[in-house]
PDB file of N, CA and C in Angstrom:
ATOM      1  N   UNK A   1      20.768   8.567  38.136  1.00  0.00           N
ATOM      2  CA  UNK A   1      20.890   9.203  37.034  1.00  0.00           C
ATOM      3  C   UNK A   1      20.308  10.721  37.275  1.00  0.00           C
ATOM      4  N   UNK A   2      21.000  11.705  36.766  1.00  0.00           N
ATOM      5  CA  UNK A   2      20.446  13.057  37.185  1.00  0.00           C
ATOM      6  C   UNK A   2      19.220  13.321  36.002  1.00  0.00           C
ATOM      7  N   UNK A   3      18.347  14.344  36.272  1.00  0.00           N
ATOM      8  CA  UNK A   3      17.451  14.763  35.258  1.00  0.00           C
ATOM      9  C   UNK A   3      18.053  15.650  34.258  1.00  0.00           C
ATOM     10  N   UNK A   4      17.645  15.583  33.172  1.00  0.00           N
ATOM     11  CA  UNK A   4      17.861  16.496  31.920  1.00  0.00           C
ATOM     12  C   UNK A   4      16.869  17.349  31.905  1.00  0.00           C
ATOM     13  N   UNK A   5      17.290  18.662  31.584  1.00  0.00           N
ATOM     14  CA  UNK A   5      16.407  19.795  31.400  1.00  0.00           C
ATOM     15  C   UNK A   5      16.045  20.052  29.847  1.00  0.00           C
ATOM     16  N   UNK A   6      14.692  20.140  29.528  1.00  0.00           N
ATOM     17  CA  UNK A   6      14.305  20.316  28.344  1.00  0.00           C
ATOM     18  C   UNK A   6      13.633  21.557  28.155  1.00  0.00           C
ATOM     19  N   UNK A   7      13.912  22.523  27.232  1.00  0.00           N
ATOM     20  CA  UNK A   7      12.918  23.526  26.914  1.00  0.00           C
ATOM     21  C   UNK A   7      12.041  23.156  25.783  1.00  0.00           C
ATOM     22  N   UNK A   8      10.667  23.024  25.746  1.00  0.00           N
ATOM     23  CA  UNK A   8       9.816  22.391  24.822  1.00  0.00           C
ATOM     24  C   UNK A   8       8.986  23.771  24.350  1.00  0.00           C
ATOM     25  N   UNK A   9       9.222  23.959  22.906  1.00  0.00           N
ATOM     26  CA  UNK A   9       8.421  24.945  22.124  1.00  0.00           C
ATOM     27  C   UNK A   9       7.781  24.005  21.000  1.00  0.00           C
ATOM     28  N   UNK A  10       6.504  23.922  21.047  1.00  0.00           N
ATOM     29  CA  UNK A  10       5.970  23.064  20.040  1.00  0.00           C
ATOM     30  C   UNK A  10       5.784  23.939  18.773  1.00  0.00           C
ATOM     31  N   UNK A  11       5.851  25.096  18.726  1.00  0.00           N
ATOM     32  CA  UNK A  11       5.817  25.853  17.535  1.00  0.00           C
ATOM     33  C   UNK A  11       7.108  25.625  16.664  1.00  0.00           C
ATOM     34  N   UNK A  12       8.350  25.338  17.414  1.00  0.00           N
ATOM     35  CA  UNK A  12       9.611  25.486  16.745  1.00  0.00           C
ATOM     36  C   UNK A  12       9.789  24.308  15.880  1.00  0.00           C
ATOM     37  N   UNK A  13       9.387  23.195  16.293  1.00  0.00           N
ATOM     38  CA  UNK A  13       9.460  21.861  15.567  1.00  0.00           C
ATOM     39  C   UNK A  13      11.027  21.350  15.582  1.00  0.00           C
ATOM     40  N   UNK A  14      11.720  21.750  16.683  1.00  0.00           N
ATOM     41  CA  UNK A  14      13.082  21.305  16.784  1.00  0.00           C
ATOM     42  C   UNK A  14      13.283  20.585  17.954  1.00  0.00           C
ATOM     43  N   UNK A  15      13.805  19.366  17.996  1.00  0.00           N
ATOM     44  CA  UNK A  15      13.992  18.547  19.305  1.00  0.00           C
ATOM     45  C   UNK A  15      15.103  18.923  20.092  1.00  0.00           C
ATOM     46  N   UNK A  16      15.167  18.728  21.381  1.00  0.00           N
ATOM     47  CA  UNK A  16      16.232  19.210  22.314  1.00  0.00           C
ATOM     48  C   UNK A  16      17.207  17.686  22.271  1.00  0.00           C
ATOM     49  N   UNK A  17      18.608  18.040  22.000  1.00  0.00           N
ATOM     50  CA  UNK A  17      19.559  17.045  21.956  1.00  0.00           C
ATOM     51  C   UNK A  17      20.220  16.698  23.206  1.00  0.00           C
ATOM     52  N   UNK A  18      20.066  15.249  23.660  1.00  0.00           N
ATOM     53  CA  UNK A  18      20.429  14.845  24.881  1.00  0.00           C
ATOM     54  C   UNK A  18      21.145  13.520  24.832  1.00  0.00           C
ATOM     55  N   UNK A  19      22.386  13.233  25.079  1.00  0.00           N
ATOM     56  CA  UNK A  19      23.024  12.001  24.790  1.00  0.00           C
ATOM     57  C   UNK A  19      22.923  11.320  26.387  1.00  0.00           C
ATOM     58  N   UNK A  20      22.746  10.007  25.955  1.00  0.00           N
ATOM     59  CA  UNK A  20      22.411   8.995  27.296  1.00  0.00           C
ATOM     60  C   UNK A  20      23.314   7.944  27.104  1.00  0.00           C
ATOM     61  N   UNK A  21      23.453   7.064  28.083  1.00  0.00           N
ATOM     62  CA  UNK A  21      24.664   6.052  28.579  1.00  0.00           C
ATOM     63  C   UNK A  21      23.660   4.931  29.040  1.00  0.00           C
ATOM     64  N   UNK A  22      23.874   3.752  28.303  1.00  0.00           N
ATOM     65  CA  UNK A  22      23.233   2.575  28.970  1.00  0.00           C
ATOM     66  C   UNK A  22      24.284   1.656  29.411  1.00  0.00           C
ATOM     67  N   UNK A  23      24.314   0.920  30.528  1.00  0.00           N
ATOM     68  CA  UNK A  23      25.243  -0.480  30.825  1.00  0.00           C
ATOM     69  C   UNK A  23      24.450  -1.597  30.584  1.00  0.00           C
ATOM     70  N   UNK A  24      24.839  -2.543  29.963  1.00  0.00           N
ATOM     71  CA  UNK A  24      23.993  -3.679  29.467  1.00  0.00           C
ATOM     72  C   UNK A  24      23.865  -4.839  30.881  1.00  0.00           C
ATOM     73  N   UNK A  25      22.641  -5.355  30.943  1.00  0.00           N
ATOM     74  CA  UNK A  25      22.415  -6.044  31.975  1.00  0.00           C
ATOM     75  C   UNK A  25      21.799  -5.244  33.298  1.00  0.00           C
ATOM     76  N   UNK A  26      21.891  -3.833  33.240  1.00  0.00           N
ATOM     77  CA  UNK A  26      21.454  -3.217  34.332  1.00  0.00           C
ATOM     78  C   UNK A  26      20.223  -2.415  33.992  1.00  0.00           C
ATOM     79  N   UNK A  27      19.227  -2.128  34.831  1.00  0.00           N
ATOM     80  CA  UNK A  27      18.186  -1.232  34.577  1.00  0.00           C
ATOM     81  C   UNK A  27      18.678   0.068  34.022  1.00  0.00           C
ATOM     82  N   UNK A  28      17.897   0.738  33.238  1.00  0.00           N
ATOM     83  CA  UNK A  28      17.999   2.227  32.624  1.00  0.00           C
ATOM     84  C   UNK A  28      16.950   2.983  32.883  1.00  0.00           C
ATOM     85  N   UNK A  29      17.131   4.139  33.523  1.00  0.00           N
ATOM     86  CA  UNK A  29      16.115   5.163  33.591  1.00  0.00           C
ATOM     87  C   UNK A  29      16.619   6.458  33.187  1.00  0.00           C
ATOM     88  N   UNK A  30      16.177   7.106  32.192  1.00  0.00           N
ATOM     89  CA  UNK A  30      16.344   8.712  31.929  1.00  0.00           C
ATOM     90  C   UNK A  30      15.437   9.587  32.335  1.00  0.00           C
ATOM     91  N   UNK A  31      15.627  10.431  33.134  1.00  0.00           N
ATOM     92  CA  UNK A  31      14.580  11.521  33.682  1.00  0.00           C
ATOM     93  C   UNK A  31      14.661  12.607  32.819  1.00  0.00           C
ATOM     94  N   UNK A  32      13.454  13.360  32.610  1.00  0.00           N
ATOM     95  CA  UNK A  32      13.547  14.619  31.863  1.00  0.00           C
ATOM     96  C   UNK A  32      12.635  15.513  32.628  1.00  0.00           C
ATOM     97  N   UNK A  33      13.077  16.762  32.864  1.00  0.00           N
ATOM     98  CA  UNK A  33      12.038  17.936  33.364  1.00  0.00           C
ATOM     99  C   UNK A  33      11.910  18.771  32.130  1.00  0.00           C
ATOM    100  N   UNK A  34      10.718  19.117  31.787  1.00  0.00           N
ATOM    101  CA  UNK A  34      10.379  19.911  30.354  1.00  0.00           C
ATOM    102  C   UNK A  34       9.661  21.216  30.995  1.00  0.00           C
ATOM    103  N   UNK A  35      10.294  22.441  30.490  1.00  0.00           N
ATOM    104  CA  UNK A  35       9.570  23.760  30.695  1.00  0.00           C
ATOM    105  C   UNK A  35       9.185  24.369  29.366  1.00  0.00           C
ATOM    106  N   UNK A  36       8.413  25.058  29.554  1.00  0.00           N
ATOM    107  CA  UNK A  36       7.798  26.028  28.085  1.00  0.00           C
ATOM    108  C   UNK A  36       8.979  27.207  28.026  1.00  0.00           C
ATOM    109  N   UNK A  37       8.707  27.806  27.049  1.00  0.00           N
ATOM    110  CA  UNK A  37       9.503  29.034  26.654  1.00  0.00           C
ATOM    111  C   UNK A  37       9.522  30.321  27.885  1.00  0.00           C
ATOM    112  N   UNK A  38       8.667  30.001  28.823  1.00  0.00           N
ATOM    113  CA  UNK A  38       8.319  31.074  29.851  1.00  0.00           C
ATOM    114  C   UNK A  38       9.045  30.516  31.024  1.00  0.00           C
ATOM    115  N   UNK A  39       9.643  29.432  30.875  1.00  0.00           N
ATOM    116  CA  UNK A  39      10.566  28.508  31.918  1.00  0.00           C
ATOM    117  C   UNK A  39       9.502  28.009  33.111  1.00  0.00           C
ATOM    118  N   UNK A  40       8.313  27.713  32.686  1.00  0.00           N
ATOM    119  CA  UNK A  40       7.436  27.079  33.620  1.00  0.00           C
ATOM    120  C   UNK A  40       7.194  25.849  33.295  1.00  0.00           C
ATOM    121  N   UNK A  41       6.985  24.769  34.100  1.00  0.00           N
ATOM    122  CA  UNK A  41       6.847  23.445  33.745  1.00  0.00           C
ATOM    123  C   UNK A  41       5.622  23.323  32.590  1.00  0.00           C
ATOM    124  N   UNK A  42       6.257  22.184  31.755  1.00  0.00           N
ATOM    125  CA  UNK A  42       5.230  22.150  30.523  1.00  0.00           C
ATOM    126  C   UNK A  42       4.058  21.153  31.114  1.00  0.00           C
ATOM    127  N   UNK A  43       2.862  21.391  30.770  1.00  0.00           N
ATOM    128  CA  UNK A  43       1.654  20.465  31.273  1.00  0.00           C
ATOM    129  C   UNK A  43       1.460  19.367  30.072  1.00  0.00           C
ATOM    130  N   UNK A  44       1.777  18.293  30.521  1.00  0.00           N
ATOM    131  CA  UNK A  44       1.508  17.283  29.665  1.00  0.00           C
ATOM    132  C   UNK A  44       0.263  16.347  29.871  1.00  0.00           C
ATOM    133  N   UNK A  45      -0.470  16.768  30.815  1.00  0.00           N
ATOM    134  CA  UNK A  45      -1.963  16.240  31.205  1.00  0.00           C
ATOM    135  C   UNK A  45      -2.585  15.698  29.637  1.00  0.00           C
ATOM    136  N   UNK A  46      -2.979  14.760  29.526  1.00  0.00           N
ATOM    137  CA  UNK A  46      -3.526  14.134  28.441  1.00  0.00           C
ATOM    138  C   UNK A  46      -2.753  13.817  27.295  1.00  0.00           C
ATOM    139  N   UNK A  47      -1.394  13.983  27.210  1.00  0.00           N
ATOM    140  CA  UNK A  47      -0.428  13.573  26.288  1.00  0.00           C
ATOM    141  C   UNK A  47      -0.048  12.220  26.587  1.00  0.00           C
ATOM    142  N   UNK A  48       0.543  11.961  25.324  1.00  0.00           N
ATOM    143  CA  UNK A  48       1.191  10.289  25.406  1.00  0.00           C
ATOM    144  C   UNK A  48       2.680  10.455  24.832  1.00  0.00           C
ATOM    145  N   UNK A  49       3.297   9.566  25.060  1.00  0.00           N
ATOM    146  CA  UNK A  49       4.741   9.523  24.571  1.00  0.00           C
ATOM    147  C   UNK A  49       5.050   8.202  24.187  1.00  0.00           C
ATOM    148  N   UNK A  50       6.196   8.201  23.269  1.00  0.00           N
ATOM    149  CA  UNK A  50       6.842   6.981  22.826  1.00  0.00           C
ATOM    150  C   UNK A  50       8.276   7.151  22.403  1.00  0.00           C
ATOM    151  N   UNK A  51       9.095   6.334  22.664  1.00  0.00           N
ATOM    152  CA  UNK A  51      10.389   6.398  22.336  1.00  0.00           C
ATOM    153  C   UNK A  51      11.079   5.038  21.632  1.00  0.00           C
ATOM    154  N   UNK A  52      12.028   5.149  20.885  1.00  0.00           N
ATOM    155  CA  UNK A  52      12.692   3.987  20.433  1.00  0.00           C
ATOM    156  C   UNK A  52      14.260   4.268  20.074  1.00  0.00           C
ATOM    157  N   UNK A  53      15.115   3.400  20.037  1.00  0.00           N
ATOM    158  CA  UNK A  53      16.569   3.347  19.854  1.00  0.00           C
ATOM    159  C   UNK A  53      16.757   2.535  18.576  1.00  0.00           C
ATOM    160  N   UNK A  54      17.813   2.990  18.082  1.00  0.00           N
ATOM    161  CA  UNK A  54      18.194   2.262  16.805  1.00  0.00           C
ATOM    162  C   UNK A  54      19.682   2.381  16.751  1.00  0.00           C
ATOM    163  N   UNK A  55      20.329   1.307  16.186  1.00  0.00           N
ATOM    164  CA  UNK A  55      21.949   1.197  15.851  1.00  0.00           C
ATOM    165  C   UNK A  55      22.335   2.184  14.604  1.00  0.00           C
ATOM    166  N   UNK A  56      21.445   2.448  13.922  1.00  0.00           N
ATOM    167  CA  UNK A  56      21.920   3.419  12.711  1.00  0.00           C
ATOM    168  C   UNK A  56      20.670   3.952  12.005  1.00  0.00           C
ATOM    169  N   UNK A  57      21.040   5.306  11.546  1.00  0.00           N
ATOM    170  CA  UNK A  57      19.821   5.803  10.650  1.00  0.00           C
ATOM    171  C   UNK A  57      20.642   6.256   9.401  1.00  0.00           C
ATOM    172  N   UNK A  58      21.808   5.657   9.085  1.00  0.00           N
ATOM    173  CA  UNK A  58      22.259   5.967   7.872  1.00  0.00           C
ATOM    174  C   UNK A  58      21.519   5.552   6.603  1.00  0.00           C
ATOM    175  N   UNK A  59      21.863   6.171   5.664  1.00  0.00           N
ATOM    176  CA  UNK A  59      21.173   5.800   4.191  1.00  0.00           C
ATOM    177  C   UNK A  59      21.544   4.357   3.860  1.00  0.00           C
ATOM    178  N   UNK A  60      20.425   3.514   3.466  1.00  0.00           N
ATOM    179  CA  UNK A  60      20.571   2.367   3.371  1.00  0.00           C
ATOM    180  C   UNK A  60      20.253   1.409   4.472  1.00  0.00           C
ATOM    181  N   UNK A  61      20.254   1.728   5.695  1.00  0.00           N
ATOM    182  CA  UNK A  61      20.198   1.068   6.903  1.00  0.00           C
ATOM    183  C   UNK A  61      18.888   0.231   7.076  1.00  0.00           C
ATOM    184  N   UNK A  62      18.946  -0.861   7.284  1.00  0.00           N
ATOM    185  CA  UNK A  62      17.761  -1.934   7.326  1.00  0.00           C
ATOM    186  C   UNK A  62      17.548  -2.194   8.881  1.00  0.00           C
ATOM    187  N   UNK A  63      18.326  -2.180   9.850  1.00  0.00           N
ATOM    188  CA  UNK A  63      18.234  -2.528  10.928  1.00  0.00           C
ATOM    189  C   UNK A  63      16.855  -2.182  11.810  1.00  0.00           C
ATOM    190  N   UNK A  64      16.738  -0.980  11.619  1.00  0.00           N
ATOM    191  CA  UNK A  64      15.419  -0.579  12.359  1.00  0.00           C
ATOM    192  C   UNK A  64      15.573  -0.336  13.925  1.00  0.00           C
ATOM    193  N   UNK A  65      14.537  -0.095  14.738  1.00  0.00           N
ATOM    194  CA  UNK A  65      14.567  -0.031  16.108  1.00  0.00           C
ATOM    195  C   UNK A  65      14.894  -1.116  16.752  1.00  0.00           C
ATOM    196  N   UNK A  66      15.754  -1.415  17.605  1.00  0.00           N
ATOM    197  CA  UNK A  66      16.387  -2.460  18.466  1.00  0.00           C
ATOM    198  C   UNK A  66      15.603  -2.310  20.071  1.00  0.00           C
ATOM    199  N   UNK A  67      15.231  -1.318  20.414  1.00  0.00           N
ATOM    200  CA  UNK A  67      14.613  -1.335  21.688  1.00  0.00           C
ATOM    201  C   UNK A  67      13.506  -0.140  21.722  1.00  0.00           C
ATOM    202  N   UNK A  68      12.356  -0.353  22.462  1.00  0.00           N
ATOM    203  CA  UNK A  68      11.412   0.526  22.747  1.00  0.00           C
ATOM    204  C   UNK A  68      11.497   0.759  24.021  1.00  0.00           C
ATOM    205  N   UNK A  69      11.630   1.885  24.336  1.00  0.00           N
ATOM    206  CA  UNK A  69      11.370   2.424  25.816  1.00  0.00           C
ATOM    207  C   UNK A  69      10.289   2.558  26.380  1.00  0.00           C
ATOM    208  N   UNK A  70       9.940   2.321  27.666  1.00  0.00           N
ATOM    209  CA  UNK A  70       8.848   2.605  28.273  1.00  0.00           C
ATOM    210  C   UNK A  70       8.854   4.283  28.622  1.00  0.00           C
ATOM    211  N   UNK A  71       7.603   4.874  28.342  1.00  0.00           N
ATOM    212  CA  UNK A  71       7.744   6.416  28.474  1.00  0.00           C
ATOM    213  C   UNK A  71       6.807   6.541  29.522  1.00  0.00           C
ATOM    214  N   UNK A  72       6.956   7.199  30.680  1.00  0.00           N
ATOM    215  CA  UNK A  72       6.007   7.528  31.637  1.00  0.00           C
ATOM    216  C   UNK A  72       6.118   8.845  32.355  1.00  0.00           C
ATOM    217  N   UNK A  73       5.041   9.460  32.287  1.00  0.00           N
ATOM    218  CA  UNK A  73       4.651  10.935  32.815  1.00  0.00           C
ATOM    219  C   UNK A  73       4.671  10.677  34.249  1.00  0.00           C
ATOM    220  N   UNK A  74       5.801  11.052  34.801  1.00  0.00           N
ATOM    221  CA  UNK A  74       5.987  10.877  36.428  1.00  0.00           C
ATOM    222  C   UNK A  74       5.180  12.072  37.163  1.00  0.00           C
ATOM    223  N   UNK A  75       5.061  13.162  36.434  1.00  0.00           N
ATOM    224  CA  UNK A  75       4.163  14.296  36.884  1.00  0.00           C
ATOM    225  C   UNK A  75       4.049  15.276  35.618  1.00  0.00           C
ATOM    226  N   UNK A  76       2.641  14.706  35.276  1.00  0.00           N
ATOM    227  CA  UNK A  76       2.212  15.398  33.767  1.00  0.00           C
ATOM    228  C   UNK A  76       2.229  16.838  34.081  1.00  0.00           C
ATOM    229  N   UNK A  77       1.672  17.231  35.166  1.00  0.00           N
ATOM    230  CA  UNK A  77       1.301  18.763  35.342  1.00  0.00           C
ATOM    231  C   UNK A  77       2.688  19.445  35.605  1.00  0.00           C
ATOM    232  N   UNK A  78       3.803  18.781  36.201  1.00  0.00           N
ATOM    233  CA  UNK A  78       5.121  19.301  36.411  1.00  0.00           C
ATOM    234  C   UNK A  78       5.905  19.098  35.297  1.00  0.00           C
ATOM    235  N   UNK A  79       5.657  18.731  34.255  1.00  0.00           N
ATOM    236  CA  UNK A  79       6.729  18.464  33.060  1.00  0.00           C
ATOM    237  C   UNK A  79       7.499  17.687  33.101  1.00  0.00           C
ATOM    238  N   UNK A  80       7.247  16.511  34.076  1.00  0.00           N
ATOM    239  CA  UNK A  80       8.482  15.494  34.321  1.00  0.00           C
ATOM    240  C   UNK A  80       7.990  14.189  33.608  1.00  0.00           C
ATOM    241  N   UNK A  81       9.116  13.480  32.773  1.00  0.00           N
ATOM    242  CA  UNK A  81       8.583  12.223  32.320  1.00  0.00           C
ATOM    243  C   UNK A  81      10.132  11.396  32.476  1.00  0.00           C
ATOM    244  N   UNK A  82       9.833  10.119  32.147  1.00  0.00           N
ATOM    245  CA  UNK A  82      10.879   9.167  32.191  1.00  0.00           C
ATOM    246  C   UNK A  82      11.020   8.079  31.117  1.00  0.00           C
ATOM    247  N   UNK A  83      12.171   7.713  30.752  1.00  0.00           N
ATOM    248  CA  UNK A  83      12.468   6.721  29.669  1.00  0.00           C
ATOM    249  C   UNK A  83      12.885   5.547  30.490  1.00  0.00           C
ATOM    250  N   UNK A  84      12.414   4.444  30.298  1.00  0.00           N
ATOM    251  CA  UNK A  84      13.273   3.044  30.898  1.00  0.00           C
ATOM    252  C   UNK A  84      13.027   2.065  30.183  1.00  0.00           C
ATOM    253  N   UNK A  85      14.030   1.101  30.434  1.00  0.00           N
ATOM    254  CA  UNK A  85      14.453  -0.175  29.961  1.00  0.00           C
ATOM    255  C   UNK A  85      14.928  -1.009  30.976  1.00  0.00           C
ATOM    256  N   UNK A  86      14.193  -2.264  31.112  1.00  0.00           N
ATOM    257  CA  UNK A  86      14.610  -3.123  32.223  1.00  0.00           C
ATOM    258  C   UNK A  86      15.867  -3.992  31.820  1.00  0.00           C
ATOM    259  N   UNK A  87      16.613  -4.650  32.865  1.00  0.00           N
ATOM    260  CA  UNK A  87      17.638  -5.162  32.706  1.00  0.00           C
ATOM    261  C   UNK A  87      17.702  -6.267  31.639  1.00  0.00           C
ATOM    262  N   UNK A  88      16.564  -6.813  31.456  1.00  0.00           N
ATOM    263  CA  UNK A  88      16.629  -8.141  30.359  1.00  0.00           C
ATOM    264  C   UNK A  88      16.609  -7.580  29.134  1.00  0.00           C
ATOM    265  N   UNK A  89      15.965  -6.159  28.925  1.00  0.00           N
ATOM    266  CA  UNK A  89      16.049  -5.577  27.411  1.00  0.00           C
ATOM    267  C   UNK A  89      17.487  -5.145  27.304  1.00  0.00           C
ATOM    268  N   UNK A  90      18.130  -4.426  28.366  1.00  0.00           N
ATOM    269  CA  UNK A  90      19.490  -3.976  28.062  1.00  0.00           C
ATOM    270  C   UNK A  90      20.675  -4.968  27.967  1.00  0.00           C
ATOM    271  N   UNK A  91      20.219  -6.204  28.424  1.00  0.00           N
ATOM    272  CA  UNK A  91      21.401  -7.220  28.362  1.00  0.00           C
ATOM    273  C   UNK A  91      21.318  -7.615  27.030  1.00  0.00           C
ATOM    274  N   UNK A  92      20.166  -7.446  26.149  1.00  0.00           N
ATOM    275  CA  UNK A  92      20.420  -7.991  24.603  1.00  0.00           C
ATOM    276  C   UNK A  92      21.071  -6.804  23.857  1.00  0.00           C
ATOM    277  N   UNK A  93      21.366  -5.651  24.219  1.00  0.00           N
ATOM    278  CA  UNK A  93      21.917  -4.658  23.289  1.00  0.00           C
ATOM    279  C   UNK A  93      23.463  -5.041  23.144  1.00  0.00           C
ATOM    280  N   UNK A  94      24.019  -4.778  21.981  1.00  0.00           N
ATOM    281  CA  UNK A  94      25.338  -4.802  21.618  1.00  0.00           C
ATOM    282  C   UNK A  94      25.970  -3.478  22.045  1.00  0.00           C
ATOM    283  N   UNK A  95      27.201  -3.629  22.277  1.00  0.00           N
ATOM    284  CA  UNK A  95      28.139  -2.515  22.707  1.00  0.00           C
ATOM    285  C   UNK A  95      28.178  -1.625  21.470  1.00  0.00           C
ATOM    286  N   UNK A  96      28.144  -0.485  21.733  1.00  0.00           N
ATOM    287  CA  UNK A  96      28.466   0.521  20.518  1.00  0.00           C
ATOM    288  C   UNK A  96      27.450   2.071  20.698  1.00  0.00           C
ATOM    289  N   UNK A  97      27.405   2.712  19.601  1.00  0.00           N
ATOM    290  CA  UNK A  97      26.729   4.020  19.478  1.00  0.00           C
ATOM    291  C   UNK A  97      25.440   3.625  19.001  1.00  0.00           C
ATOM    292  N   UNK A  98      24.255   4.212  19.417  1.00  0.00           N
ATOM    293  CA  UNK A  98      23.018   3.998  19.040  1.00  0.00           C
ATOM    294  C   UNK A  98      22.299   5.571  19.028  1.00  0.00           C
ATOM    295  N   UNK A  99      21.088   5.667  18.231  1.00  0.00           N
ATOM    296  CA  UNK A  99      20.230   7.181  18.133  1.00  0.00           C
ATOM    297  C   UNK A  99      19.164   6.772  18.690  1.00  0.00           C
ATOM    298  N   UNK A 100      18.555   7.521  19.467  1.00  0.00           N
ATOM    299  CA  UNK A 100      17.264   7.615  20.130  1.00  0.00           C
ATOM    300  C   UNK A 100      16.281   8.925  19.736  1.00  0.00           C
ATOM    301  N   UNK A 101      15.079   8.811  19.600  1.00  0.00           N
ATOM    302  CA  UNK A 101      14.078   9.945  19.831  1.00  0.00           C
ATOM    303  C   UNK A 101      13.147   9.669  20.860  1.00  0.00           C
ATOM    304  N   UNK A 102      12.452  10.671  21.222  1.00  0.00           N
ATOM    305  CA  UNK A 102      11.161  10.847  22.050  1.00  0.00           C
ATOM    306  C   UNK A 102      10.253  11.346  21.156  1.00  0.00           C
ATOM    307  N   UNK A 103       8.855  10.926  21.115  1.00  0.00           N
ATOM    308  CA  UNK A 103       7.758  11.771  20.482  1.00  0.00           C
ATOM    309  C   UNK A 103       6.860  11.874  21.495  1.00  0.00           C
ATOM    310  N   UNK A 104       6.085  12.915  21.446  1.00  0.00           N
ATOM    311  CA  UNK A 104       5.068  13.301  22.375  1.00  0.00           C
ATOM    312  C   UNK A 104       3.772  13.492  21.653  1.00  0.00           C
ATOM    313  N   UNK A 105       2.619  13.323  22.147  1.00  0.00           N
ATOM    314  CA  UNK A 105       1.440  13.574  21.108  1.00  0.00           C
ATOM    315  C   UNK A 105       0.412  14.139  21.985  1.00  0.00           C
ATOM    316  N   UNK A 106      -0.359  15.108  21.568  1.00  0.00           N
ATOM    317  CA  UNK A 106      -1.546  15.653  21.993  1.00  0.00           C
ATOM    318  C   UNK A 106      -2.679  15.547  20.902  1.00  0.00           C
ATOM    319  N   UNK A 107      -3.683  14.684  21.224  1.00  0.00           N
ATOM    320  CA  UNK A 107      -4.632  14.383  20.109  1.00  0.00           C
ATOM    321  C   UNK A 107      -3.727  13.656  18.706  1.00  0.00           C
ATOM    322  N   UNK A 108      -4.191  14.359  17.646  1.00  0.00           N
ATOM    323  CA  UNK A 108      -3.435  13.602  16.592  1.00  0.00           C
ATOM    324  C   UNK A 108      -2.111  14.373  16.064  1.00  0.00           C
ATOM    325  N   UNK A 109      -1.736  15.301  16.825  1.00  0.00           N
ATOM    326  CA  UNK A 109      -0.509  16.067  16.567  1.00  0.00           C
ATOM    327  C   UNK A 109       0.869  15.276  17.446  1.00  0.00           C
ATOM    328  N   UNK A 110       1.693  15.102  16.470  1.00  0.00           N
ATOM    329  CA  UNK A 110       2.928  14.481  17.334  1.00  0.00           C
ATOM    330  C   UNK A 110       4.143  15.384  17.065  1.00  0.00           C
ATOM    331  N   UNK A 111       4.893  15.468  18.087  1.00  0.00           N
ATOM    332  CA  UNK A 111       5.968  16.348  18.248  1.00  0.00           C
ATOM    333  C   UNK A 111       7.183  15.494  18.658  1.00  0.00           C
ATOM    334  N   UNK A 112       8.382  15.703  18.075  1.00  0.00           N
ATOM    335  CA  UNK A 112       9.683  15.126  18.475  1.00  0.00           C
ATOM    336  C   UNK A 112      10.227  16.329  19.485  1.00  0.00           C
ATOM    337  N   UNK A 113      10.394  15.633  20.807  1.00  0.00           N
ATOM    338  CA  UNK A 113      10.805  16.644  21.833  1.00  0.00           C
ATOM    339  C   UNK A 113      12.278  16.336  22.293  1.00  0.00           C
ATOM    340  N   UNK A 114      12.724  15.288  22.199  1.00  0.00           N
ATOM    341  CA  UNK A 114      14.169  14.944  22.466  1.00  0.00           C
ATOM    342  C   UNK A 114      14.765  13.945  21.502  1.00  0.00           C
ATOM    343  N   UNK A 115      16.106  14.124  21.131  1.00  0.00           N
ATOM    344  CA  UNK A 115      16.867  13.140  20.456  1.00  0.00           C
ATOM    345  C   UNK A 115      18.078  13.136  20.798  1.00  0.00           C
ATOM    346  N   UNK A 116      18.912  12.192  20.382  1.00  0.00           N
ATOM    347  CA  UNK A 116      20.417  12.176  20.632  1.00  0.00           C
ATOM    348  C   UNK A 116      21.064  11.015  20.405  1.00  0.00           C
ATOM    349  N   UNK A 117      22.386  10.666  20.863  1.00  0.00           N
ATOM    350  CA  UNK A 117      23.136   9.518  20.819  1.00  0.00           C
ATOM    351  C   UNK A 117      23.141   8.796  22.311  1.00  0.00           C
ATOM    352  N   UNK A 118      23.241   7.387  22.226  1.00  0.00           N
ATOM    353  CA  UNK A 118      23.247   6.665  23.475  1.00  0.00           C
ATOM    354  C   UNK A 118      24.581   5.822  23.180  1.00  0.00           C
ATOM    355  N   UNK A 119      25.395   5.767  24.152  1.00  0.00           N
ATOM    356  CA  UNK A 119      26.486   4.984  24.195  1.00  0.00           C
ATOM    357  C   UNK A 119      26.119   3.740  24.964  1.00  0.00           C
ATOM    358  N   UNK A 120      26.282   2.504  24.496  1.00  0.00           N
ATOM    359  CA  UNK A 120      25.962   1.434  25.211  1.00  0.00           C
ATOM    360  C   UNK A 120      27.251   0.623  25.546  1.00  0.00           C
ATOM    361  N   UNK A 121      27.521   0.289  26.758  1.00  0.00           N
ATOM    362  CA  UNK A 121      28.588  -0.127  27.381  1.00  0.00           C
ATOM    363  C   UNK A 121      28.446  -1.551  27.855  1.00  0.00           C
ATOM    364  N   UNK A 122      29.275  -2.606  27.661  1.00  0.00           N
ATOM    365  CA  UNK A 122      29.072  -3.997  27.971  1.00  0.00           C
ATOM    366  C   UNK A 122      28.983  -4.066  29.767  1.00  0.00           C
ATOM    367  N   UNK A 123      28.239  -4.910  30.174  1.00  0.00           N
ATOM    368  CA  UNK A 123      28.475  -5.032  31.589  1.00  0.00           C
ATOM    369  C   UNK A 123      29.575  -6.174  31.945  1.00  0.00           C
ATOM    370  N   UNK A 124      30.053  -5.899  33.191  1.00  0.00           N
ATOM    371  CA  UNK A 124      31.234  -6.744  33.483  1.00  0.00           C
ATOM    372  C   UNK A 124      30.568  -7.813  34.605  1.00  0.00           C
ATOM    373  N   UNK A 125      29.848  -7.351  35.243  1.00  0.00           N
ATOM    374  CA  UNK A 125      29.382  -8.326  36.332  1.00  0.00           C
ATOM    375  C   UNK A 125      28.025  -8.875  36.313  1.00  0.00           C
ATOM    376  N   UNK A 126      27.515 -10.207  36.666  1.00  0.00           N
ATOM    377  CA  UNK A 126      26.347 -10.611  36.320  1.00  0.00           C
ATOM    378  C   UNK A 126      25.263 -10.037  37.432  1.00  0.00           C
ATOM    379  N   UNK A 127      24.121 -10.269  37.087  1.00  0.00           N
ATOM    380  CA  UNK A 127      23.145  -9.803  38.028  1.00  0.00           C
ATOM    381  C   UNK A 127      23.148 -10.405  39.427  1.00  0.00           C
ATOM    382  N   UNK A 128      23.068  -9.885  40.280  1.00  0.00           N
ATOM    383  CA  UNK A 128      23.088 -10.665  41.739  1.00  0.00           C
ATOM    384  C   UNK A 128      21.797 -11.348  41.947  1.00  0.00           C
TER     385      UNK A 128
END
């Protein structure tokens, strides 16, 4: 999967939209390169991240999160992080459109950095 480029401005309060695709039964990894408004890598040293996906966020929706991604800073000083779900987790997803968001935090301050839609497609083959 190619990396997605994100410009992060903590003062703006606006997450970057980025849509993803997951194939059930396969490992999923989404890679993100984050820069600041000066186009330099955003330094995530000392930060934490979390991300979840849900089937719907419509009014009256009661489904809630259907999966929680692993969020890993692959190069905190270089502004790089990944979202991942293993094949066991993707196998349980139903086909269709989902929404997701990624939160990052420094101390007690939490920022929404990325959000968007996820299209989940059913797998055809079984795992080798």
